[in-house]
Amino acid sequence: MSPRHFPVIALSLAFSLTGATAQQPGPSRIERWDRNGDGKLSREEVPEPLRKNFDRVDKDGDGFVSKEEDAAIGQGPGGGPGPREGVKKLADLDYAGTGNPRQTLDLYLPEKRVGSELLPLIVFIHGGAWQGGDKNGGGAKVGAYVASGKYAGASIGYRLSGEAQWPSQIHDCKAAIRWLKAHAGKYGLDPDRIAVWGSSAGGHLVAMLGVSDGIEELEGKIGPHLDQNAKVHCVIDFFGSSELLTMGDHESIIDHNAPDSPESKLVGGPILENPDKAKSASPIEHITADDAPHLIVHGDKDRVVPYPQSTDYKKRLESAAVPAILVTVAGGEHGKGFGPSVEKVVAAYLEKMLLGEKREITDKTIPAGE
């Protein structure tokens, strides 16, 4: 699969509003706008007129623009600001019936389908430490698959921790899955072939979808389709947290045990003072033998979500006889260094799990950038 690039014209025009372009000498955008000095840009650090392009630059969907993502602007052909050619986008579908814009999803359908069967569905869930990001970048993730005519796609929005605490986030995601299943007939989707894919906080949420089917307190009562289940067929977890109480046990640029850490904000109080809620929000605590198969991808130099979060999670999945594959990006950081080889593994996994094609996929280590 060819690498996906960002819309050059839209981004170049947007950044030119500040008098800066990718080719100009002097301090980079990150050096000028990085107020907290962490070497990357949050949405809030980007000047307001430019935020509409944030998700197109945030390639890995982790809620931040890295130096590599910033440097990638203008390096490849763009697809324009709208949906990819050959893809129809149905935006802002209200899955909860609340009118809350966070509780909506975007649905992506191919203009031309391959074959006459119902389409399997790839659902993307964005990252952003459960406190930032939105669904708008999901189209860049699923667009190439949908354009092939073999898949449909969706991107889910959910309430952030500043608005609602755990388990609201998983309640929203499950309500969205139920909505998609309830409307499968209308859009020609196969409700039994749903893959969920997410990065960072989104990786955590897709893992939760994969291991929490039927757990009453995590199902929620959101939306009009409670007659549907939220079970998914497989999980693609990019560097998601799996065990919140051990996040602070490893080297990180974040004090995960601090009262204002992303994890503490998620559960509504200091993480170590809320162990029951932290366990509720930890996929590793919910694993049973009938859970969905997982593909896990993580960089071994990740200093945001420590790499052991994925190695420990995989071991626990395997101990319960849940199929799990771990792809390690050697030298990869938090969403950095994920090259074409990772994309090929994801494509092969989807072909195997959703299309039934024969693909040999095993644990492997891929050097960063390859």
Protein backbone atom coordinates (compact mmCIF):
# COMPACT_ATOMS: atom_id res chain seq x y z
CA MET A 1 0.00 0.00 0.00
CA SER A 2 1.39 3.41 -0.84
CA PRO A 3 2.03 5.84 2.02
CA ARG A 4 -0.71 8.34 2.75
CA HIS A 5 0.11 12.02 2.41
CA PHE A 6 -1.47 15.24 3.61
CA PRO A 7 -3.27 17.81 1.44
CA VAL A 8 -0.45 20.09 0.38
CA ILE A 9 -2.39 23.06 -0.95
CA ALA A 10 -4.69 23.39 2.05
CA LEU A 11 -1.85 23.11 4.53
CA SER A 12 0.55 25.40 2.72
CA LEU A 13 -2.14 28.05 2.42
CA ALA A 14 -3.07 27.70 6.07
CA PHE A 15 0.47 28.00 7.35
CA SER A 16 1.17 30.93 5.04
CA LEU A 17 -1.36 32.94 7.05
CA THR A 18 1.36 33.29 9.69
CA GLY A 19 4.01 34.23 7.20
CA ALA A 20 5.69 30.84 7.55
CA THR A 21 6.17 28.03 5.07
CA ALA A 22 7.97 24.74 5.33
CA GLN A 23 10.78 26.08 3.16
CA GLN A 24 11.46 29.32 5.03
CA PRO A 25 14.66 29.57 7.13
CA GLY A 26 14.64 30.40 10.81
CA PRO A 27 12.81 28.74 13.71
CA SER A 28 10.40 25.99 12.76
CA ARG A 29 6.69 26.15 13.53
CA ILE A 30 7.20 23.78 16.43
CA GLU A 31 9.98 25.97 17.86
CA ARG A 32 7.77 29.06 17.59
CA TRP A 33 4.50 27.59 18.87
CA ASP A 34 5.61 24.91 21.36
CA ARG A 35 4.64 26.75 24.55
CA ASN A 36 5.37 23.91 26.98
CA GLY A 37 8.65 22.89 25.38
CA ASP A 38 7.79 19.21 24.86
CA GLY A 39 8.95 19.20 21.24
CA LYS A 40 5.52 18.77 19.67
CA LEU A 41 2.33 20.74 19.13
CA SER A 42 -1.05 20.20 20.72
CA ARG A 43 -4.13 21.55 18.99
CA GLU A 44 -4.28 24.40 21.51
CA GLU A 45 -0.71 25.47 20.70
CA VAL A 46 -1.48 25.87 16.99
CA PRO A 47 -2.81 29.35 16.07
CA GLU A 48 -6.59 29.23 15.92
CA PRO A 49 -6.95 29.98 12.17
CA LEU A 50 -4.84 26.90 11.40
CA ARG A 51 -6.47 24.35 13.69
CA LYS A 52 -8.85 23.19 10.98
CA ASN A 53 -5.84 21.50 9.34
CA PHE A 54 -4.53 19.91 12.53
CA ASP A 55 -5.90 16.42 11.91
CA ARG A 56 -4.46 16.30 8.41
CA VAL A 57 -0.98 16.88 9.80
CA ASP A 58 -1.42 14.59 12.84
CA LYS A 59 -0.71 11.47 10.79
CA ASP A 60 -0.72 8.97 13.65
CA GLY A 61 -3.84 10.41 15.27
CA ASP A 62 -2.25 10.75 18.71
CA GLY A 63 -3.50 14.31 19.23
CA PHE A 64 -0.09 15.95 18.67
CA VAL A 65 1.97 17.14 15.70
CA SER A 66 5.53 15.84 15.94
CA LYS A 67 8.59 17.29 14.22
CA GLU A 68 8.42 14.50 11.67
CA GLU A 69 4.76 15.16 10.92
CA ASP A 70 5.44 18.88 10.59
CA ALA A 71 8.35 18.24 8.24
CA ALA A 72 6.17 15.97 6.08
CA ILE A 73 3.99 18.89 4.97
CA GLY A 74 4.39 19.36 1.26
CA GLN A 75 6.45 16.22 0.64
CA GLY A 76 3.91 14.22 -1.31
CA PRO A 77 0.83 14.47 -3.50
CA GLY A 78 -2.27 15.56 -1.68
CA GLY A 79 -5.81 14.38 -1.87
CA GLY A 80 -7.45 17.74 -1.22
CA PRO A 81 -9.34 18.81 1.87
CA GLY A 82 -12.36 16.62 1.25
CA PRO A 83 -12.79 12.83 1.22
CA ARG A 84 -10.42 10.71 -0.85
CA GLU A 85 -11.46 10.20 -4.47
CA GLY A 86 -13.82 7.27 -4.74
CA VAL A 87 -15.07 7.64 -1.18
CA LYS A 88 -18.39 9.05 -0.02
CA LYS A 89 -18.37 10.62 3.44
CA LEU A 90 -21.46 10.83 5.62
CA ALA A 91 -20.45 13.23 8.37
CA ASP A 92 -21.61 13.86 11.93
CA LEU A 93 -24.07 11.01 12.29
CA ASP A 94 -25.62 11.20 15.77
CA TYR A 95 -25.21 7.75 17.29
CA ALA A 96 -26.38 8.74 20.79
CA GLY A 97 -29.48 10.80 20.02
CA THR A 98 -28.23 13.55 22.34
CA GLY A 99 -27.26 16.26 19.88
CA ASN A 100 -23.79 16.34 21.46
CA PRO A 101 -21.27 16.85 18.61
CA ARG A 102 -18.75 14.66 20.43
CA GLN A 103 -21.20 11.75 20.24
CA THR A 104 -21.21 11.53 16.47
CA LEU A 105 -19.42 9.46 13.86
CA ASP A 106 -18.36 9.82 10.23
CA LEU A 107 -19.14 6.98 7.86
CA TYR A 108 -17.05 6.35 4.72
CA LEU A 109 -18.48 4.29 1.86
CA PRO A 110 -16.84 3.34 -1.44
CA GLU A 111 -18.30 4.85 -4.59
CA LYS A 112 -17.71 1.51 -6.31
CA ARG A 113 -17.89 -1.76 -4.40
CA VAL A 114 -15.94 -4.87 -5.25
CA GLY A 115 -18.34 -7.79 -5.42
CA SER A 116 -21.89 -8.00 -4.15
CA GLU A 117 -21.27 -9.04 -0.54
CA LEU A 118 -21.86 -6.87 2.48
CA LEU A 119 -18.78 -4.80 3.25
CA PRO A 120 -16.62 -5.36 6.31
CA LEU A 121 -16.07 -2.21 8.35
CA ILE A 122 -12.87 -0.57 9.64
CA VAL A 123 -13.64 1.75 12.57
CA PHE A 124 -10.97 4.25 13.64
CA ILE A 125 -10.87 5.83 17.12
CA HIS A 126 -8.65 8.87 17.61
CA GLY A 127 -6.06 9.53 20.29
CA GLY A 128 -5.22 12.63 22.28
CA ALA A 129 -4.74 11.42 25.89
CA TRP A 130 -8.54 11.19 26.27
CA GLN A 131 -8.53 14.99 26.57
CA GLY A 132 -7.96 16.17 23.01
CA GLY A 133 -8.30 15.17 19.38
CA ASP A 134 -11.42 14.47 17.36
CA LYS A 135 -12.79 12.15 14.70
CA ASN A 136 -11.88 14.33 11.72
CA GLY A 137 -8.55 12.62 11.11
CA GLY A 138 -10.07 9.15 10.79
CA GLY A 139 -10.77 9.53 7.10
CA ALA A 140 -7.04 9.70 6.39
CA LYS A 141 -6.60 6.37 8.17
CA VAL A 142 -9.41 4.42 6.52
CA GLY A 143 -9.68 6.27 3.21
CA ALA A 144 -7.32 4.11 1.14
CA TYR A 145 -9.02 0.93 2.32
CA VAL A 146 -12.47 2.28 1.53
CA ALA A 147 -11.39 3.55 -1.90
CA SER A 148 -10.38 -0.02 -2.78
CA GLY A 149 -14.08 -0.94 -2.77
CA LYS A 150 -13.47 -3.83 -0.39
CA TYR A 151 -14.23 -2.10 2.90
CA ALA A 152 -16.36 0.58 4.49
CA GLY A 153 -14.93 2.85 7.17
CA ALA A 154 -15.99 4.93 10.12
CA SER A 155 -14.42 7.37 12.55
CA ILE A 156 -15.87 7.70 16.04
CA GLY A 157 -16.03 10.77 18.25
CA TYR A 158 -16.42 10.41 22.02
CA ARG A 159 -16.66 12.65 25.05
CA LEU A 160 -13.29 13.80 26.36
CA SER A 161 -12.23 13.69 30.00
CA GLY A 162 -12.85 17.42 30.45
CA GLU A 163 -16.53 16.78 29.83
CA ALA A 164 -17.09 13.30 31.28
CA GLN A 165 -14.97 10.74 33.08
CA TRP A 166 -14.61 6.99 32.75
CA PRO A 167 -16.51 4.90 31.74
CA SER A 168 -18.19 7.54 29.53
CA GLN A 169 -15.60 7.09 26.79
CA ILE A 170 -16.16 3.36 26.34
CA HIS A 171 -19.93 3.85 26.69
CA ASP A 172 -19.76 6.24 23.73
CA CYS A 173 -17.64 3.91 21.62
CA LYS A 174 -19.98 1.01 22.27
CA ALA A 175 -23.01 3.13 21.43
CA ALA A 176 -21.34 4.00 18.12
CA ILE A 177 -20.68 0.32 17.33
CA ARG A 178 -24.31 -0.52 18.14
CA TRP A 179 -25.48 2.30 15.84
CA LEU A 180 -23.33 0.95 13.02
CA LYS A 181 -24.72 -2.54 13.49
CA ALA A 182 -28.30 -1.23 13.59
CA HIS A 183 -27.73 0.58 10.28
CA ALA A 184 -25.71 -2.16 8.62
CA GLY A 185 -28.56 -3.16 6.34
CA LYS A 186 -29.14 0.42 5.19
CA TYR A 187 -25.52 0.93 4.17
CA GLY A 188 -24.65 -2.58 3.04
CA LEU A 189 -22.31 -3.40 5.94
CA ASP A 190 -21.51 -6.73 7.53
CA PRO A 191 -22.16 -6.32 11.28
CA ASP A 192 -20.12 -9.44 12.06
CA ARG A 193 -16.94 -8.17 10.39
CA ILE A 194 -15.94 -5.02 12.26
CA ALA A 195 -12.28 -4.19 12.92
CA VAL A 196 -11.52 -1.39 15.37
CA TRP A 197 -8.26 0.53 15.01
CA GLY A 198 -6.90 3.28 17.23
CA SER A 199 -3.70 4.97 18.34
CA SER A 200 -2.61 6.06 21.83
CA ALA A 201 -5.83 6.81 23.76
CA GLY A 202 -7.66 5.41 20.74
CA GLY A 203 -5.54 2.26 20.99
CA HIS A 204 -6.65 1.93 24.60
CA LEU A 205 -10.31 2.31 23.63
CA VAL A 206 -10.19 -0.23 20.80
CA ALA A 207 -8.50 -2.70 23.15
CA MET A 208 -11.31 -2.09 25.64
CA LEU A 209 -13.84 -2.81 22.89
CA GLY A 210 -12.04 -6.05 22.18
CA VAL A 211 -12.05 -7.38 25.75
CA SER A 212 -15.16 -5.98 27.43
CA ASP A 213 -18.06 -7.46 25.51
CA GLY A 214 -20.94 -8.18 27.86
CA ILE A 215 -19.44 -6.45 30.93
CA GLU A 216 -22.51 -4.59 32.11
CA GLU A 217 -20.86 -1.58 33.73
CA LEU A 218 -18.87 -0.96 30.55
CA GLU A 219 -21.73 -1.39 28.08
CA GLY A 220 -23.64 1.75 29.03
CA LYS A 221 -27.20 2.72 28.16
CA ILE A 222 -26.44 5.30 25.48
CA GLY A 223 -28.29 5.51 22.20
CA PRO A 224 -31.48 4.00 20.79
CA HIS A 225 -30.01 0.65 19.75
CA LEU A 226 -29.55 -1.23 23.01
CA ASP A 227 -30.91 -4.34 21.28
CA GLN A 228 -27.60 -4.58 19.41
CA ASN A 229 -24.34 -5.83 20.90
CA ALA A 230 -21.02 -3.99 20.64
CA LYS A 231 -18.84 -7.03 19.98
CA VAL A 232 -16.07 -6.48 17.43
CA HIS A 233 -14.29 -8.99 15.22
CA CYS A 234 -10.69 -7.84 15.72
CA VAL A 235 -8.56 -5.08 17.22
CA ILE A 236 -5.63 -3.04 15.86
CA ASP A 237 -4.05 -1.37 18.88
CA PHE A 238 -1.35 1.22 18.13
CA PHE A 239 0.60 1.98 21.34
CA GLY A 240 -2.42 2.10 23.63
CA SER A 241 -2.34 1.93 27.43
CA SER A 242 -3.34 -1.45 28.83
CA GLU A 243 -2.82 -1.14 32.59
CA LEU A 244 -3.27 2.31 34.05
CA LEU A 245 -1.87 1.56 37.50
CA THR A 246 1.51 0.54 36.06
CA MET A 247 1.94 3.41 33.61
CA GLY A 248 4.14 5.22 36.12
CA ASP A 249 6.43 2.24 36.67
CA HIS A 250 8.50 2.93 33.56
CA GLU A 251 10.46 5.83 32.10
CA SER A 252 8.18 8.47 30.58
CA ILE A 253 8.08 12.17 29.88
CA ILE A 254 4.74 12.21 31.75
CA ASP A 255 4.26 11.68 35.47
CA HIS A 256 1.40 9.24 35.02
CA ASN A 257 0.69 9.09 38.75
CA ALA A 258 0.30 12.86 39.11
CA PRO A 259 -3.16 14.22 39.99
CA ASP A 260 -3.27 16.07 36.65
CA SER A 261 -1.98 13.23 34.46
CA PRO A 262 -4.11 12.10 31.51
CA GLU A 263 -4.95 8.90 33.39
CA SER A 264 -5.99 10.78 36.52
CA LYS A 265 -8.16 13.12 34.48
CA LEU A 266 -9.74 10.11 32.78
CA VAL A 267 -10.84 8.47 36.04
CA GLY A 268 -11.74 11.75 37.74
CA GLY A 269 -9.06 11.78 40.47
CA PRO A 270 -5.47 10.81 41.25
CA ILE A 271 -4.92 7.45 39.61
CA LEU A 272 -3.35 5.77 42.65
CA GLU A 273 -6.21 6.93 44.86
CA ASN A 274 -8.79 5.42 42.51
CA PRO A 275 -7.52 1.87 41.94
CA ASP A 276 -10.92 0.34 41.26
CA LYS A 277 -11.73 2.85 38.56
CA ALA A 278 -8.22 2.52 37.15
CA LYS A 279 -8.67 -1.23 36.89
CA SER A 280 -12.06 -0.74 35.25
CA ALA A 281 -10.30 1.39 32.62
CA SER A 282 -7.50 -1.15 32.05
CA PRO A 283 -7.98 -3.66 29.21
CA ILE A 284 -5.59 -6.11 30.86
CA GLU A 285 -8.08 -6.54 33.74
CA HIS A 286 -10.91 -7.77 31.49
CA ILE A 287 -9.32 -10.45 29.33
CA THR A 288 -11.23 -13.70 28.80
CA ALA A 289 -10.80 -16.52 26.30
CA ASP A 290 -13.59 -15.33 23.99
CA ASP A 291 -12.12 -11.87 23.38
CA ALA A 292 -11.35 -10.46 19.93
CA PRO A 293 -7.96 -11.18 18.31
CA HIS A 294 -5.44 -8.33 18.57
CA LEU A 295 -2.73 -6.82 16.40
CA ILE A 296 -0.58 -4.61 18.64
CA VAL A 297 2.00 -2.14 17.28
CA HIS A 298 4.34 -0.24 19.60
CA GLY A 299 7.69 1.54 19.42
CA ASP A 300 10.23 0.26 21.95
CA LYS A 301 11.46 3.81 22.65
CA ASP A 302 8.01 5.22 23.42
CA ARG A 303 8.38 7.64 26.33
CA VAL A 304 4.69 8.56 26.53
CA VAL A 305 2.97 5.17 26.69
CA PRO A 306 5.74 2.82 27.88
CA TYR A 307 6.46 -0.15 25.63
CA PRO A 308 5.85 -2.70 28.46
CA GLN A 309 2.18 -1.72 28.34
CA SER A 310 1.99 -3.70 25.09
CA THR A 311 4.37 -6.55 25.92
CA ASP A 312 2.58 -7.26 29.21
CA TYR A 313 -0.81 -7.00 27.51
CA LYS A 314 0.17 -9.45 24.78
CA LYS A 315 1.41 -11.98 27.35
CA ARG A 316 -1.87 -11.75 29.25
CA LEU A 317 -3.90 -12.16 26.05
CA GLU A 318 -1.88 -15.23 25.09
CA SER A 319 -2.24 -16.72 28.56
CA ALA A 320 -6.01 -16.60 28.00
CA ALA A 321 -5.64 -18.16 24.53
CA VAL A 322 -6.65 -14.93 22.77
CA PRO A 323 -4.81 -14.62 19.42
CA ALA A 324 -2.38 -11.70 19.67
CA ILE A 325 0.41 -10.44 17.42
CA LEU A 326 2.95 -7.81 18.54
CA VAL A 327 4.84 -5.74 16.00
CA THR A 328 7.70 -3.87 17.65
CA VAL A 329 9.05 -0.76 15.94
CA ALA A 330 12.72 -0.81 16.95
CA GLY A 331 13.73 2.72 17.83
CA GLY A 332 10.16 3.91 17.35
CA GLU A 333 8.82 6.57 19.67
CA HIS A 334 5.22 7.57 20.43
CA GLY A 335 3.74 7.29 16.96
CA LYS A 336 7.11 8.13 15.39
CA GLY A 337 9.10 5.91 13.06
CA PHE A 338 6.12 3.94 11.77
CA GLY A 339 6.95 3.41 8.11
CA PRO A 340 5.54 1.53 5.10
CA SER A 341 6.36 -1.87 6.60
CA VAL A 342 3.91 -1.22 9.43
CA GLU A 343 1.25 -0.21 6.92
CA LYS A 344 1.81 -3.48 5.05
CA VAL A 345 1.29 -5.49 8.23
CA VAL A 346 -1.95 -3.65 8.97
CA ALA A 347 -3.17 -4.19 5.41
CA ALA A 348 -2.35 -7.90 5.56
CA TYR A 349 -4.05 -8.25 8.94
CA LEU A 350 -7.24 -6.65 7.64
CA GLU A 351 -7.18 -8.84 4.54
CA LYS A 352 -6.84 -11.92 6.73
CA MET A 353 -9.35 -11.00 9.41
CA LEU A 354 -12.01 -9.21 7.36
CA LEU A 355 -11.65 -10.64 3.86
CA GLY A 356 -10.68 -14.19 4.78
CA GLU A 357 -7.53 -14.14 2.66
CA LYS A 358 -4.55 -16.32 3.53
CA ARG A 359 -1.88 -14.19 5.17
CA GLU A 360 0.98 -15.30 7.40
CA ILE A 361 1.36 -12.68 10.14
CA THR A 362 3.55 -13.24 13.17
CA ASP A 363 5.35 -11.23 15.82
CA LYS A 364 8.12 -9.21 14.28
CA THR A 365 10.46 -6.31 14.85
CA ILE A 366 10.60 -3.58 12.23
CA PRO A 367 13.33 -0.90 12.31
CA ALA A 368 11.94 2.59 12.68
CA GLY A 369 11.19 4.26 9.37
CA GLU A 370 11.15 1.10 7.29
